[in-house]
């Protein structure tokens, strides 16, 4: 279980508590964060992120995303990619869902 991020910040309940997410929602959130953050730009974890922003095709984008997530229990498949956004199919523990990632937008 993880805490939900919304517009680059921690999502809170109306009473001010953290909003928790399911395992599949966590997988989608982790995939989106990993895809959007340029590799090496996060000061506390220089291995976080990818270099997807520098590629032009879905196959290379999928390879970079799989490499960045290889220590997790996620399976990802890039379904479409146009340089500014991509659709990724994320699977975890028998559940799967599609996620659209728009580069340059907040998490």
N, C-alpha and C. Protein backbone atom coordinates (compact mmCIF):
# COMPACT_ATOMS: atom_id res chain seq x y z
N UNK A 1 0.85 -1.17 0.00
CA UNK A 1 0.00 0.00 0.00
C UNK A 1 0.90 1.23 0.00
N UNK A 2 0.45 2.25 -0.74
CA UNK A 2 1.22 3.47 -0.86
C UNK A 2 0.28 4.66 -0.72
N UNK A 3 0.87 5.83 -0.67
CA UNK A 3 0.12 7.07 -0.57
C UNK A 3 -0.08 7.63 -1.98
N UNK A 4 -1.27 8.11 -2.24
CA UNK A 4 -1.59 8.66 -3.56
C UNK A 4 -0.95 10.03 -3.75
N UNK A 5 -0.40 10.23 -4.95
CA UNK A 5 0.11 11.54 -5.34
C UNK A 5 -0.88 12.15 -6.31
N UNK A 6 -1.11 13.44 -6.18
CA UNK A 6 -2.05 14.14 -7.04
C UNK A 6 -1.48 15.52 -7.36
N UNK A 7 -1.29 15.81 -8.63
CA UNK A 7 -0.73 17.08 -9.07
C UNK A 7 0.61 17.39 -8.41
N UNK A 8 1.43 16.35 -8.26
CA UNK A 8 2.77 16.52 -7.71
C UNK A 8 2.85 16.64 -6.19
N UNK A 9 1.75 16.40 -5.51
CA UNK A 9 1.73 16.52 -4.05
C UNK A 9 1.00 15.32 -3.47
N UNK A 10 1.10 15.15 -2.16
CA UNK A 10 0.41 14.06 -1.48
C UNK A 10 -1.08 14.37 -1.44
N UNK A 11 -1.89 13.40 -1.86
CA UNK A 11 -3.35 13.57 -1.83
C UNK A 11 -3.85 13.33 -0.40
N UNK A 12 -4.70 14.24 0.06
CA UNK A 12 -5.23 14.14 1.41
C UNK A 12 -6.74 13.91 1.39
N UNK A 13 -7.22 13.28 2.45
CA UNK A 13 -8.65 13.10 2.63
C UNK A 13 -9.25 14.43 3.09
N UNK A 14 -10.58 14.57 3.08
CA UNK A 14 -11.19 15.82 3.57
C UNK A 14 -10.80 16.15 5.01
N UNK A 15 -10.48 15.13 5.81
CA UNK A 15 -10.10 15.39 7.21
C UNK A 15 -8.60 15.62 7.37
N UNK A 16 -7.84 15.62 6.25
CA UNK A 16 -6.41 15.92 6.31
C UNK A 16 -5.50 14.71 6.39
N UNK A 17 -6.06 13.50 6.36
CA UNK A 17 -5.24 12.29 6.38
C UNK A 17 -4.74 11.93 4.99
N UNK A 18 -3.82 10.98 4.95
CA UNK A 18 -3.31 10.52 3.67
C UNK A 18 -4.36 9.70 2.93
N UNK A 19 -4.34 9.76 1.60
CA UNK A 19 -5.18 8.93 0.76
C UNK A 19 -4.33 7.74 0.32
N UNK A 20 -4.75 6.54 0.70
CA UNK A 20 -4.01 5.33 0.35
C UNK A 20 -4.59 4.71 -0.92
N UNK A 21 -3.74 4.00 -1.65
CA UNK A 21 -4.14 3.42 -2.92
C UNK A 21 -3.93 1.90 -2.92
N UNK A 22 -4.62 1.23 -3.82
CA UNK A 22 -4.53 -0.22 -3.94
C UNK A 22 -3.21 -0.61 -4.60
N UNK A 23 -2.93 -1.90 -4.62
CA UNK A 23 -1.69 -2.40 -5.23
C UNK A 23 -1.62 -2.06 -6.72
N UNK A 24 -2.74 -2.19 -7.43
CA UNK A 24 -2.73 -1.86 -8.86
C UNK A 24 -2.57 -0.36 -9.07
N UNK A 25 -3.25 0.45 -8.27
CA UNK A 25 -3.08 1.90 -8.37
C UNK A 25 -1.63 2.30 -8.06
N UNK A 26 -1.02 1.61 -7.10
CA UNK A 26 0.39 1.86 -6.78
C UNK A 26 1.28 1.53 -7.97
N UNK A 27 0.97 0.43 -8.66
CA UNK A 27 1.74 0.03 -9.84
C UNK A 27 1.63 1.08 -10.94
N UNK A 28 0.42 1.60 -11.15
CA UNK A 28 0.22 2.63 -12.16
C UNK A 28 0.97 3.91 -11.78
N UNK A 29 0.89 4.28 -10.51
CA UNK A 29 1.57 5.49 -10.04
C UNK A 29 3.09 5.35 -10.18
N UNK A 30 3.62 4.19 -9.80
CA UNK A 30 5.06 3.96 -9.91
C UNK A 30 5.52 4.01 -11.37
N UNK A 31 4.72 3.44 -12.25
CA UNK A 31 5.05 3.45 -13.67
C UNK A 31 5.06 4.88 -14.20
N UNK A 32 4.05 5.66 -13.83
CA UNK A 32 3.98 7.05 -14.30
C UNK A 32 5.15 7.87 -13.78
N UNK A 33 5.48 7.74 -12.51
CA UNK A 33 6.60 8.48 -11.93
C UNK A 33 7.90 8.10 -12.64
N UNK A 34 8.10 6.81 -12.81
CA UNK A 34 9.33 6.32 -13.45
C UNK A 34 9.44 6.83 -14.88
N UNK A 35 8.34 6.84 -15.60
CA UNK A 35 8.36 7.28 -17.00
C UNK A 35 8.59 8.77 -17.13
N UNK A 36 8.05 9.57 -16.22
CA UNK A 36 8.12 11.02 -16.34
C UNK A 36 9.42 11.65 -15.84
N UNK A 37 10.05 11.01 -14.88
CA UNK A 37 11.25 11.62 -14.29
C UNK A 37 12.47 11.29 -15.13
N UNK A 38 13.20 12.31 -15.58
CA UNK A 38 14.45 12.03 -16.32
C UNK A 38 15.46 11.32 -15.41
N UNK A 39 16.04 10.25 -15.90
CA UNK A 39 16.98 9.47 -15.11
C UNK A 39 18.11 10.36 -14.60
N UNK A 40 18.39 10.24 -13.29
CA UNK A 40 19.46 11.00 -12.67
C UNK A 40 19.05 12.35 -12.13
N UNK A 41 17.80 12.77 -12.33
CA UNK A 41 17.40 14.11 -11.91
C UNK A 41 16.88 14.19 -10.48
N UNK A 42 16.53 13.04 -9.88
CA UNK A 42 16.02 13.04 -8.52
C UNK A 42 17.20 12.90 -7.56
N UNK A 43 17.44 13.92 -6.77
CA UNK A 43 18.66 14.01 -5.95
C UNK A 43 18.80 12.86 -4.95
N UNK A 44 17.70 12.32 -4.45
CA UNK A 44 17.77 11.27 -3.43
C UNK A 44 17.90 9.87 -4.01
N UNK A 45 17.67 9.72 -5.31
CA UNK A 45 17.80 8.41 -5.96
C UNK A 45 18.16 8.64 -7.42
N UNK A 46 19.43 8.67 -7.73
CA UNK A 46 19.90 8.98 -9.08
C UNK A 46 19.55 7.90 -10.10
N UNK A 47 19.13 6.71 -9.66
CA UNK A 47 18.76 5.65 -10.60
C UNK A 47 17.28 5.71 -10.97
N UNK A 48 16.50 6.53 -10.28
CA UNK A 48 15.07 6.66 -10.56
C UNK A 48 14.86 7.36 -11.90
N UNK A 49 13.92 6.88 -12.67
CA UNK A 49 13.54 7.54 -13.91
C UNK A 49 14.04 6.82 -15.15
N UNK A 50 13.78 7.44 -16.29
CA UNK A 50 14.16 6.88 -17.59
C UNK A 50 14.67 8.00 -18.49
N UNK A 51 15.08 7.60 -19.67
CA UNK A 51 15.48 8.56 -20.70
C UNK A 51 14.48 8.52 -21.85
N UNK A 52 13.22 8.22 -21.53
CA UNK A 52 12.18 8.09 -22.55
C UNK A 52 11.99 9.40 -23.31
N UNK A 53 12.17 10.53 -22.65
CA UNK A 53 11.99 11.81 -23.32
C UNK A 53 12.92 12.03 -24.49
N UNK A 54 13.96 11.20 -24.60
CA UNK A 54 14.94 11.35 -25.67
C UNK A 54 14.73 10.36 -26.82
N UNK A 55 13.70 9.53 -26.75
CA UNK A 55 13.50 8.51 -27.79
C UNK A 55 12.32 8.87 -28.69
N UNK A 56 12.23 8.19 -29.81
CA UNK A 56 11.18 8.51 -30.78
C UNK A 56 10.30 7.31 -31.15
N UNK A 57 10.54 6.15 -30.55
CA UNK A 57 9.73 4.99 -30.94
C UNK A 57 9.28 4.18 -29.73
N UNK A 58 8.17 3.47 -29.88
CA UNK A 58 7.56 2.72 -28.80
C UNK A 58 8.44 1.58 -28.30
N UNK A 59 9.14 0.91 -29.19
CA UNK A 59 9.97 -0.23 -28.80
C UNK A 59 11.09 0.21 -27.85
N UNK A 60 11.76 1.30 -28.17
CA UNK A 60 12.83 1.81 -27.30
C UNK A 60 12.25 2.33 -26.00
N UNK A 61 11.10 3.00 -26.05
CA UNK A 61 10.45 3.49 -24.83
C UNK A 61 10.10 2.33 -23.90
N UNK A 62 9.57 1.25 -24.47
CA UNK A 62 9.23 0.08 -23.66
C UNK A 62 10.47 -0.55 -23.05
N UNK A 63 11.54 -0.64 -23.81
CA UNK A 63 12.78 -1.22 -23.31
C UNK A 63 13.31 -0.40 -22.12
N UNK A 64 13.31 0.93 -22.25
CA UNK A 64 13.80 1.80 -21.18
C UNK A 64 12.92 1.70 -19.93
N UNK A 65 11.61 1.63 -20.13
CA UNK A 65 10.69 1.53 -19.00
C UNK A 65 10.84 0.19 -18.30
N UNK A 66 10.95 -0.89 -19.05
CA UNK A 66 11.16 -2.21 -18.45
C UNK A 66 12.48 -2.25 -17.67
N UNK A 67 13.51 -1.65 -18.23
CA UNK A 67 14.81 -1.62 -17.55
C UNK A 67 14.71 -0.85 -16.23
N UNK A 68 14.02 0.28 -16.24
CA UNK A 68 13.88 1.10 -15.03
C UNK A 68 13.04 0.41 -13.96
N UNK A 69 12.12 -0.46 -14.37
CA UNK A 69 11.22 -1.13 -13.43
C UNK A 69 11.60 -2.59 -13.17
N UNK A 70 12.78 -3.01 -13.61
CA UNK A 70 13.11 -4.43 -13.53
C UNK A 70 13.23 -4.96 -12.10
N UNK A 71 13.44 -4.12 -11.12
CA UNK A 71 13.51 -4.57 -9.73
C UNK A 71 12.14 -4.65 -9.08
N UNK A 72 11.10 -4.37 -9.84
CA UNK A 72 9.74 -4.43 -9.29
C UNK A 72 9.03 -5.67 -9.82
N UNK A 73 7.83 -5.90 -9.33
CA UNK A 73 7.04 -7.05 -9.79
C UNK A 73 6.04 -6.64 -10.87
N UNK A 74 6.36 -5.59 -11.60
CA UNK A 74 5.46 -5.08 -12.64
C UNK A 74 5.85 -5.58 -14.01
N UNK A 75 4.84 -5.80 -14.83
CA UNK A 75 5.06 -6.07 -16.25
C UNK A 75 4.44 -4.92 -17.00
N UNK A 76 5.23 -4.27 -17.87
CA UNK A 76 4.73 -3.13 -18.62
C UNK A 76 4.90 -3.36 -20.11
N UNK A 77 3.90 -2.90 -20.88
CA UNK A 77 3.95 -2.96 -22.34
C UNK A 77 3.49 -1.63 -22.89
N UNK A 78 4.31 -1.00 -23.70
CA UNK A 78 3.92 0.26 -24.32
C UNK A 78 3.00 -0.06 -25.49
N UNK A 79 1.78 0.45 -25.44
CA UNK A 79 0.80 0.19 -26.49
C UNK A 79 0.85 1.25 -27.58
N UNK A 80 1.14 2.48 -27.20
CA UNK A 80 1.29 3.55 -28.19
C UNK A 80 2.26 4.58 -27.65
N UNK A 81 2.93 5.28 -28.56
CA UNK A 81 3.94 6.27 -28.18
C UNK A 81 4.08 7.28 -29.30
N UNK A 82 4.01 8.57 -28.96
CA UNK A 82 4.19 9.58 -29.99
C UNK A 82 5.21 10.66 -29.62
N UNK A 83 6.00 10.44 -28.58
CA UNK A 83 7.01 11.41 -28.17
C UNK A 83 6.54 12.33 -27.06
N UNK A 84 5.28 12.75 -27.08
CA UNK A 84 4.76 13.61 -26.02
C UNK A 84 3.86 12.86 -25.05
N UNK A 85 3.38 11.70 -25.47
CA UNK A 85 2.58 10.86 -24.57
C UNK A 85 2.66 9.41 -25.02
N UNK A 86 2.36 8.52 -24.08
CA UNK A 86 2.33 7.10 -24.39
C UNK A 86 1.27 6.43 -23.56
N UNK A 87 0.78 5.31 -24.07
CA UNK A 87 -0.16 4.47 -23.33
C UNK A 87 0.58 3.20 -22.97
N UNK A 88 0.54 2.87 -21.68
CA UNK A 88 1.27 1.71 -21.15
C UNK A 88 0.27 0.77 -20.50
N UNK A 89 0.41 -0.53 -20.78
CA UNK A 89 -0.39 -1.56 -20.11
C UNK A 89 0.45 -2.06 -18.95
N UNK A 90 -0.07 -1.92 -17.73
CA UNK A 90 0.65 -2.29 -16.51
C UNK A 90 -0.03 -3.49 -15.88
N UNK A 91 0.75 -4.54 -15.59
CA UNK A 91 0.22 -5.75 -14.94
C UNK A 91 0.95 -5.98 -13.63
N UNK A 92 0.16 -6.39 -12.62
CA UNK A 92 0.74 -6.73 -11.32
C UNK A 92 -0.19 -7.71 -10.63
N UNK A 93 0.35 -8.86 -10.27
CA UNK A 93 -0.41 -9.85 -9.52
C UNK A 93 -1.70 -10.30 -10.19
N UNK A 94 -1.69 -10.46 -11.50
CA UNK A 94 -2.86 -10.92 -12.21
C UNK A 94 -3.84 -9.82 -12.59
N UNK A 95 -3.62 -8.61 -12.13
CA UNK A 95 -4.47 -7.48 -12.49
C UNK A 95 -3.73 -6.59 -13.48
N UNK A 96 -4.46 -5.99 -14.40
CA UNK A 96 -3.81 -5.09 -15.33
C UNK A 96 -4.74 -3.95 -15.72
N UNK A 97 -4.10 -2.85 -16.11
CA UNK A 97 -4.85 -1.66 -16.50
C UNK A 97 -3.96 -0.80 -17.39
N UNK A 98 -4.59 -0.01 -18.24
CA UNK A 98 -3.83 0.90 -19.10
C UNK A 98 -3.67 2.25 -18.43
N UNK A 99 -2.57 2.90 -18.75
CA UNK A 99 -2.22 4.18 -18.17
C UNK A 99 -1.73 5.07 -19.30
N UNK A 100 -2.23 6.30 -19.38
CA UNK A 100 -1.73 7.26 -20.35
C UNK A 100 -0.78 8.21 -19.63
N UNK A 101 0.44 8.30 -20.13
CA UNK A 101 1.46 9.17 -19.54
C UNK A 101 1.71 10.31 -20.52
N UNK A 102 1.51 11.54 -20.04
CA UNK A 102 1.79 12.73 -20.84
C UNK A 102 3.05 13.37 -20.28
N UNK A 103 4.06 13.48 -21.11
CA UNK A 103 5.33 14.03 -20.67
C UNK A 103 5.22 15.54 -20.53
N UNK A 104 5.85 16.07 -19.49
CA UNK A 104 5.79 17.50 -19.23
C UNK A 104 4.63 17.90 -18.35
N UNK A 105 3.74 16.96 -18.01
CA UNK A 105 2.61 17.24 -17.13
C UNK A 105 2.94 16.79 -15.71
N UNK A 106 2.28 17.40 -14.72
CA UNK A 106 2.48 17.02 -13.33
C UNK A 106 2.05 15.58 -13.09
N UNK A 107 2.60 15.01 -12.02
CA UNK A 107 2.23 13.66 -11.62
C UNK A 107 0.84 13.66 -11.01
